[in-house]
Structures are given as C-alpha cells and as structure tokens.
Amino acid sequence: MAPNTHDNGQDDSKRNKRIDDLKRQADELAGGEMTSWKSDALSPDIEEEFLQGVIAYESAPWTTHFQQLEEAGVELPDPETMDDEKLTAKLWEVIEALARMRAFLERTNHLSDRELYTELWNDVLREETKAMAYDEYSAWHTDLIGSGSDEHIDLWMKYYADDETRRQWMKDWPDYEMPDHEDPPYDRDRHLPNAGF
C-alpha cells in the first residue's frame, strides 16, 4: 500500500503554520527585535521545540534562586549567625536543593565553605533569573568565576586552567601577568551534583 502523501502534506502544512505562529510570538516577546538563524540541517520538529523553549523563557516571570529556595522550604540564615559546622551543613543543604531545581554550581574550589555560602547568600542567589522548570535535558549553571572580570580570569588561570590553556592565553595576551599555578585550596567540586548529561 502506498503511503498517504496527502496526509503527510497536511501534517507538514500544520507544522509549518505552528512554527510561523511561534516565530511571530517570539518576535512579539522580543519587542520586534528578534534575530535568528536556522541551520538547513535543523528538522522542523526540533525547530518547533526550540521555539517553544524560547517562548517559555521569554514569557516566564523573574525570580531569584534565593526566593525559589525559600519557597521550597529551605531556610537561608545570614552566614554571620552560624558557626562553621552549621554553615557547612547549610551550604550542602543549599547545594542539594539547588540541584533538585536543576541549578548547579561550578568551580568553587578556591573558596572555603564560609566564603562560598557568603557569596551565594549575598550575591549569587539574589541575581534575577527566569522562573523556569528545567527537565533532565536542561539546567542552570553558575560558574563562581564566570563573570569575565579581571579577578575571575586571574582565579581561573591560577587554579583551574591547564598548562595548554595558560600557554595559549599568553600567546593571545602577551602583556597579561600570568599568576603562578596553584592547586585550589579546597576539594569540593568533584563532590558537587551535576546535570548528568
């Protein structure tokens, strides 16, 4: 029996209309300033799924991880109110709660538990983010040296960059004052939850 090409054509037409509607909606959410490019290798199914994700992100309300943690029942006491033992326990409670929300920390080995919790409490957890529900194929990543600031570049080069990266950096930026490599003072990162993909 020959395939029903008429039905396939109708399905393609419906999908193309959905994709056009999604593009229009995404453009409206971007204030008419959406810029995009599509690979010829991108299937219509993946394009549709991608556009749905763009719209979900753009239309989601703003929140903070601090607020989301509190809403999940995680108390976030001021670091100054805890001794070291309680603070370490609280830090790992926060790390695990973030992981359940599919939010993961990276490159923290240059910070003590107190320094890390304090940075999370004062800054990182209070940064605005979209209230998104992440699935097993998506996640939010927070790199504790990922701002691109001079301080973070120095920390990356000192503690995290391998020899080849350091050599290449000096080729690209010969005036950079490369810090001596040191092993990070703490060994936390290999124990941190990760996205698993």
C-alpha atoms as a PDB file:
ATOM      1  CA  MET A   1       0.000   0.000   0.000  1.00  0.00           C
ATOM      2  CA  ALA A   2       1.411   3.422  -0.943  1.00  0.00           C
ATOM      3  CA  PRO A   3       1.952   5.994   1.836  1.00  0.00           C
ATOM      4  CA  ASN A   4      -0.698   8.657   2.124  1.00  0.00           C
ATOM      5  CA  THR A   5       1.291  11.636   0.904  1.00  0.00           C
ATOM      6  CA  HIS A   6      -1.802  13.841   1.190  1.00  0.00           C
ATOM      7  CA  ASP A   7      -1.875  13.352   4.989  1.00  0.00           C
ATOM      8  CA  ASN A   8       1.884  13.979   5.231  1.00  0.00           C
ATOM      9  CA  GLY A   9       1.426  17.197   3.284  1.00  0.00           C
ATOM     10  CA  GLN A  10      -1.339  18.300   5.644  1.00  0.00           C
ATOM     11  CA  ASP A  11       0.841  17.464   8.674  1.00  0.00           C
ATOM     12  CA  ASP A  12       3.731  19.462   7.197  1.00  0.00           C
ATOM     13  CA  SER A  13       1.423  22.379   6.464  1.00  0.00           C
ATOM     14  CA  LYS A  14       0.038  22.355  10.034  1.00  0.00           C
ATOM     15  CA  ARG A  15       3.545  22.146  11.498  1.00  0.00           C
ATOM     16  CA  ASN A  16       4.780  24.996   9.290  1.00  0.00           C
ATOM     17  CA  LYS A  17       1.831  27.129  10.428  1.00  0.00           C
ATOM     18  CA  ARG A  18       2.621  26.325  14.087  1.00  0.00           C
ATOM     19  CA  ILE A  19       6.272  27.244  13.507  1.00  0.00           C
ATOM     20  CA  ASP A  20       5.297  30.527  11.829  1.00  0.00           C
ATOM     21  CA  ASP A  21       2.958  31.300  14.751  1.00  0.00           C
ATOM     22  CA  LEU A  22       5.726  30.509  17.247  1.00  0.00           C
ATOM     23  CA  LYS A  23       8.183  32.753  15.381  1.00  0.00           C
ATOM     24  CA  ARG A  24       5.652  35.567  15.395  1.00  0.00           C
ATOM     25  CA  GLN A  25       5.013  35.109  19.127  1.00  0.00           C
ATOM     26  CA  ALA A  26       8.745  35.021  19.918  1.00  0.00           C
ATOM     27  CA  ASP A  27       9.296  38.171  17.859  1.00  0.00           C
ATOM     28  CA  GLU A  28       6.498  39.951  19.758  1.00  0.00           C
ATOM     29  CA  LEU A  29       8.027  38.904  23.099  1.00  0.00           C
ATOM     30  CA  ALA A  30      11.365  40.319  21.906  1.00  0.00           C
ATOM     31  CA  GLY A  31       9.708  43.641  21.083  1.00  0.00           C
ATOM     32  CA  GLY A  32      10.046  43.036  17.357  1.00  0.00           C
ATOM     33  CA  GLU A  33      13.835  42.795  17.635  1.00  0.00           C
ATOM     34  CA  MET A  34      14.388  39.049  17.488  1.00  0.00           C
ATOM     35  CA  THR A  35      17.388  37.995  15.457  1.00  0.00           C
ATOM     36  CA  SER A  36      17.687  34.362  14.476  1.00  0.00           C
ATOM     37  CA  TRP A  37      19.461  31.959  12.167  1.00  0.00           C
ATOM     38  CA  LYS A  38      18.413  28.418  11.301  1.00  0.00           C
ATOM     39  CA  SER A  39      20.656  25.633  10.065  1.00  0.00           C
ATOM     40  CA  ASP A  40      19.479  23.782   6.994  1.00  0.00           C
ATOM     41  CA  ALA A  41      20.102  20.588   8.963  1.00  0.00           C
ATOM     42  CA  LEU A  42      17.559  21.564  11.652  1.00  0.00           C
ATOM     43  CA  SER A  43      14.465  19.404  11.477  1.00  0.00           C
ATOM     44  CA  PRO A  44      11.045  21.093  11.759  1.00  0.00           C
ATOM     45  CA  ASP A  45      10.335  19.091  14.941  1.00  0.00           C
ATOM     46  CA  ILE A  46      13.477  20.421  16.634  1.00  0.00           C
ATOM     47  CA  GLU A  47      12.803  23.954  15.386  1.00  0.00           C
ATOM     48  CA  GLU A  48       9.296  23.832  16.842  1.00  0.00           C
ATOM     49  CA  GLU A  49      10.580  22.507  20.166  1.00  0.00           C
ATOM     50  CA  PHE A  50      13.310  25.164  20.267  1.00  0.00           C
ATOM     51  CA  LEU A  51      10.839  27.988  19.588  1.00  0.00           C
ATOM     52  CA  GLN A  52       8.541  26.668  22.310  1.00  0.00           C
ATOM     53  CA  GLY A  53      11.506  26.849  24.718  1.00  0.00           C
ATOM     54  CA  VAL A  54      12.291  30.436  23.641  1.00  0.00           C
ATOM     55  CA  ILE A  55       8.700  31.476  24.280  1.00  0.00           C
ATOM     56  CA  ALA A  56       8.586  29.683  27.647  1.00  0.00           C
ATOM     57  CA  TYR A  57      11.760  31.517  28.705  1.00  0.00           C
ATOM     58  CA  GLU A  58      10.725  34.928  27.418  1.00  0.00           C
ATOM     59  CA  SER A  59       7.265  34.758  28.976  1.00  0.00           C
ATOM     60  CA  ALA A  60       8.373  33.338  32.350  1.00  0.00           C
ATOM     61  CA  PRO A  61       8.314  35.714  35.337  1.00  0.00           C
ATOM     62  CA  TRP A  62      11.509  36.887  37.008  1.00  0.00           C
ATOM     63  CA  THR A  63      12.581  35.406  40.319  1.00  0.00           C
ATOM     64  CA  THR A  64      15.783  34.606  42.227  1.00  0.00           C
ATOM     65  CA  HIS A  65      17.175  31.299  43.403  1.00  0.00           C
ATOM     66  CA  PHE A  66      17.025  32.779  46.914  1.00  0.00           C
ATOM     67  CA  GLN A  67      13.261  33.190  46.564  1.00  0.00           C
ATOM     68  CA  GLN A  68      12.842  29.762  44.976  1.00  0.00           C
ATOM     69  CA  LEU A  69      14.792  28.101  47.791  1.00  0.00           C
ATOM     70  CA  GLU A  70      12.707  29.855  50.438  1.00  0.00           C
ATOM     71  CA  GLU A  71       9.525  28.821  48.615  1.00  0.00           C
ATOM     72  CA  ALA A  72      10.827  25.235  48.677  1.00  0.00           C
ATOM     73  CA  GLY A  73      11.159  25.463  52.473  1.00  0.00           C
ATOM     74  CA  VAL A  74      14.925  25.983  52.661  1.00  0.00           C
ATOM     75  CA  GLU A  75      15.851  28.459  55.384  1.00  0.00           C
ATOM     76  CA  LEU A  76      18.702  30.775  54.410  1.00  0.00           C
ATOM     77  CA  PRO A  77      20.177  32.285  57.552  1.00  0.00           C
ATOM     78  CA  ASP A  78      22.733  35.076  57.419  1.00  0.00           C
ATOM     79  CA  PRO A  79      26.215  33.489  57.380  1.00  0.00           C
ATOM     80  CA  GLU A  80      27.213  35.668  60.330  1.00  0.00           C
ATOM     81  CA  THR A  81      24.672  33.852  62.535  1.00  0.00           C
ATOM     82  CA  MET A  82      26.194  30.371  62.071  1.00  0.00           C
ATOM     83  CA  ASP A  83      29.310  28.683  63.372  1.00  0.00           C
ATOM     84  CA  ASP A  84      31.466  26.782  60.852  1.00  0.00           C
ATOM     85  CA  GLU A  85      29.816  23.398  61.437  1.00  0.00           C
ATOM     86  CA  LYS A  86      26.272  24.709  60.970  1.00  0.00           C
ATOM     87  CA  LEU A  87      27.330  26.788  57.977  1.00  0.00           C
ATOM     88  CA  THR A  88      28.884  23.790  56.196  1.00  0.00           C
ATOM     89  CA  ALA A  89      25.738  21.734  56.777  1.00  0.00           C
ATOM     90  CA  LYS A  90      23.596  24.599  55.489  1.00  0.00           C
ATOM     91  CA  LEU A  91      25.829  25.067  52.443  1.00  0.00           C
ATOM     92  CA  TRP A  92      25.361  21.428  51.412  1.00  0.00           C
ATOM     93  CA  GLU A  93      21.628  21.658  52.057  1.00  0.00           C
ATOM     94  CA  VAL A  94      21.529  24.634  49.674  1.00  0.00           C
ATOM     95  CA  ILE A  95      23.702  22.866  47.077  1.00  0.00           C
ATOM     96  CA  GLU A  96      21.411  19.802  47.128  1.00  0.00           C
ATOM     97  CA  ALA A  97      18.240  21.928  46.994  1.00  0.00           C
ATOM     98  CA  LEU A  98      19.611  23.857  44.015  1.00  0.00           C
ATOM     99  CA  ALA A  99      20.411  20.565  42.269  1.00  0.00           C
ATOM    100  CA  ARG A 100      16.807  19.414  42.744  1.00  0.00           C
ATOM    101  CA  MET A 101      15.824  22.630  40.932  1.00  0.00           C
ATOM    102  CA  ARG A 102      18.370  21.686  38.204  1.00  0.00           C
ATOM    103  CA  ALA A 103      20.666  24.567  39.218  1.00  0.00           C
ATOM    104  CA  PHE A 104      24.318  23.591  39.573  1.00  0.00           C
ATOM    105  CA  LEU A 105      27.461  25.275  40.897  1.00  0.00           C
ATOM    106  CA  GLU A 106      30.833  25.050  39.185  1.00  0.00           C
ATOM    107  CA  ARG A 107      34.425  25.979  40.067  1.00  0.00           C
ATOM    108  CA  THR A 108      34.128  26.581  43.773  1.00  0.00           C
ATOM    109  CA  ASN A 109      37.408  25.051  44.993  1.00  0.00           C
ATOM    110  CA  HIS A 110      39.071  28.430  45.539  1.00  0.00           C
ATOM    111  CA  LEU A 111      36.501  29.295  48.222  1.00  0.00           C
ATOM    112  CA  SER A 112      36.140  27.985  51.768  1.00  0.00           C
ATOM    113  CA  ASP A 113      32.672  26.807  52.814  1.00  0.00           C
ATOM    114  CA  ARG A 114      32.119  30.112  54.598  1.00  0.00           C
ATOM    115  CA  GLU A 115      33.321  32.163  51.627  1.00  0.00           C
ATOM    116  CA  LEU A 116      31.127  30.179  49.230  1.00  0.00           C
ATOM    117  CA  TYR A 117      27.981  30.354  51.370  1.00  0.00           C
ATOM    118  CA  THR A 118      28.562  34.065  51.947  1.00  0.00           C
ATOM    119  CA  GLU A 119      28.950  34.724  48.213  1.00  0.00           C
ATOM    120  CA  LEU A 120      25.824  32.698  47.478  1.00  0.00           C
ATOM    121  CA  TRP A 121      23.843  34.410  50.241  1.00  0.00           C
ATOM    122  CA  ASN A 122      24.957  37.960  49.433  1.00  0.00           C
ATOM    123  CA  ASP A 123      25.082  37.867  45.639  1.00  0.00           C
ATOM    124  CA  VAL A 124      24.684  34.728  43.550  1.00  0.00           C
ATOM    125  CA  LEU A 125      21.334  33.535  44.906  1.00  0.00           C
ATOM    126  CA  ARG A 126      19.917  37.068  44.688  1.00  0.00           C
ATOM    127  CA  GLU A 127      20.623  37.539  40.978  1.00  0.00           C
ATOM    128  CA  GLU A 128      17.453  37.668  38.921  1.00  0.00           C
ATOM    129  CA  THR A 129      16.658  34.647  36.786  1.00  0.00           C
ATOM    130  CA  LYS A 130      13.635  33.364  34.947  1.00  0.00           C
ATOM    131  CA  ALA A 131      11.260  31.076  36.837  1.00  0.00           C
ATOM    132  CA  MET A 132      11.750  28.079  34.591  1.00  0.00           C
ATOM    133  CA  ALA A 133      11.116  24.396  35.181  1.00  0.00           C
ATOM    134  CA  TYR A 134      14.151  22.525  33.871  1.00  0.00           C
ATOM    135  CA  ASP A 135      13.937  18.910  32.760  1.00  0.00           C
ATOM    136  CA  GLU A 136      16.584  16.194  32.642  1.00  0.00           C
ATOM    137  CA  TYR A 137      18.000  17.695  29.429  1.00  0.00           C
ATOM    138  CA  SER A 138      18.348  21.248  30.689  1.00  0.00           C
ATOM    139  CA  ALA A 139      19.848  23.033  33.660  1.00  0.00           C
ATOM    140  CA  TRP A 140      21.029  26.334  35.081  1.00  0.00           C
ATOM    141  CA  HIS A 141      24.794  26.560  35.671  1.00  0.00           C
ATOM    142  CA  THR A 142      26.513  29.062  37.930  1.00  0.00           C
ATOM    143  CA  ASP A 143      30.271  29.316  37.456  1.00  0.00           C
ATOM    144  CA  LEU A 144      31.734  31.011  40.515  1.00  0.00           C
ATOM    145  CA  ILE A 145      34.474  32.514  38.354  1.00  0.00           C
ATOM    146  CA  GLY A 146      32.433  33.006  35.206  1.00  0.00           C
ATOM    147  CA  SER A 147      31.882  36.761  35.127  1.00  0.00           C
ATOM    148  CA  GLY A 148      34.809  37.527  32.821  1.00  0.00           C
ATOM    149  CA  SER A 149      36.151  40.092  35.295  1.00  0.00           C
ATOM    150  CA  ASP A 150      39.905  40.525  35.731  1.00  0.00           C
ATOM    151  CA  GLU A 151      39.633  38.939  39.176  1.00  0.00           C
ATOM    152  CA  HIS A 152      37.835  35.878  37.820  1.00  0.00           C
ATOM    153  CA  ILE A 153      40.278  35.496  34.930  1.00  0.00           C
ATOM    154  CA  ASP A 154      43.150  35.583  37.425  1.00  0.00           C
ATOM    155  CA  LEU A 155      41.439  32.930  39.579  1.00  0.00           C
ATOM    156  CA  TRP A 156      40.780  30.753  36.533  1.00  0.00           C
ATOM    157  CA  MET A 157      44.402  30.970  35.410  1.00  0.00           C
ATOM    158  CA  LYS A 158      45.767  30.418  38.896  1.00  0.00           C
ATOM    159  CA  TYR A 159      43.612  27.479  39.987  1.00  0.00           C
ATOM    160  CA  TYR A 160      41.681  25.934  37.102  1.00  0.00           C
ATOM    161  CA  ALA A 161      43.313  26.474  33.685  1.00  0.00           C
ATOM    162  CA  ASP A 162      45.522  23.665  32.386  1.00  0.00           C
ATOM    163  CA  ASP A 163      49.022  24.271  31.027  1.00  0.00           C
ATOM    164  CA  GLU A 164      47.888  24.370  27.394  1.00  0.00           C
ATOM    165  CA  THR A 165      45.209  26.967  28.165  1.00  0.00           C
ATOM    166  CA  ARG A 166      47.722  29.082  30.053  1.00  0.00           C
ATOM    167  CA  ARG A 167      50.219  28.891  27.155  1.00  0.00           C
ATOM    168  CA  GLN A 168      47.556  29.815  24.606  1.00  0.00           C
ATOM    169  CA  TRP A 169      46.391  32.721  26.780  1.00  0.00           C
ATOM    170  CA  MET A 170      49.916  34.116  26.862  1.00  0.00           C
ATOM    171  CA  LYS A 171      50.160  33.807  23.072  1.00  0.00           C
ATOM    172  CA  ASP A 172      46.896  35.716  22.678  1.00  0.00           C
ATOM    173  CA  TRP A 173      47.535  38.216  25.502  1.00  0.00           C
ATOM    174  CA  PRO A 174      51.334  38.584  25.870  1.00  0.00           C
ATOM    175  CA  ASP A 175      51.012  41.545  28.286  1.00  0.00           C
ATOM    176  CA  TYR A 176      48.919  39.542  30.753  1.00  0.00           C
ATOM    177  CA  GLU A 177      50.618  38.961  34.107  1.00  0.00           C
ATOM    178  CA  MET A 178      50.090  35.231  34.456  1.00  0.00           C
ATOM    179  CA  PRO A 179      49.837  34.111  38.093  1.00  0.00           C
ATOM    180  CA  ASP A 180      51.782  31.049  39.151  1.00  0.00           C
ATOM    181  CA  HIS A 181      49.668  27.911  39.061  1.00  0.00           C
ATOM    182  CA  GLU A 182      48.479  26.633  42.427  1.00  0.00           C
ATOM    183  CA  ASP A 183      46.217  23.752  43.285  1.00  0.00           C
ATOM    184  CA  PRO A 184      42.946  25.102  44.679  1.00  0.00           C
ATOM    185  CA  PRO A 185      42.929  25.149  48.490  1.00  0.00           C
ATOM    186  CA  TYR A 186      39.663  23.170  48.724  1.00  0.00           C
ATOM    187  CA  ASP A 187      38.392  19.946  47.155  1.00  0.00           C
ATOM    188  CA  ARG A 188      34.650  20.414  46.755  1.00  0.00           C
ATOM    189  CA  ASP A 189      33.906  20.474  43.033  1.00  0.00           C
ATOM    190  CA  ARG A 190      34.235  16.733  42.427  1.00  0.00           C
ATOM    191  CA  HIS A 191      31.530  16.173  45.079  1.00  0.00           C
ATOM    192  CA  LEU A 192      29.091  18.725  43.671  1.00  0.00           C
ATOM    193  CA  PRO A 193      25.918  17.431  41.988  1.00  0.00           C
ATOM    194  CA  ASN A 194      25.999  17.836  38.214  1.00  0.00           C
ATOM    195  CA  ALA A 195      23.458  17.911  35.409  1.00  0.00           C
ATOM    196  CA  GLY A 196      24.320  14.396  34.295  1.00  0.00           C
ATOM    197  CA  PHE A 197      24.187  14.927  30.544  1.00  0.00           C
END
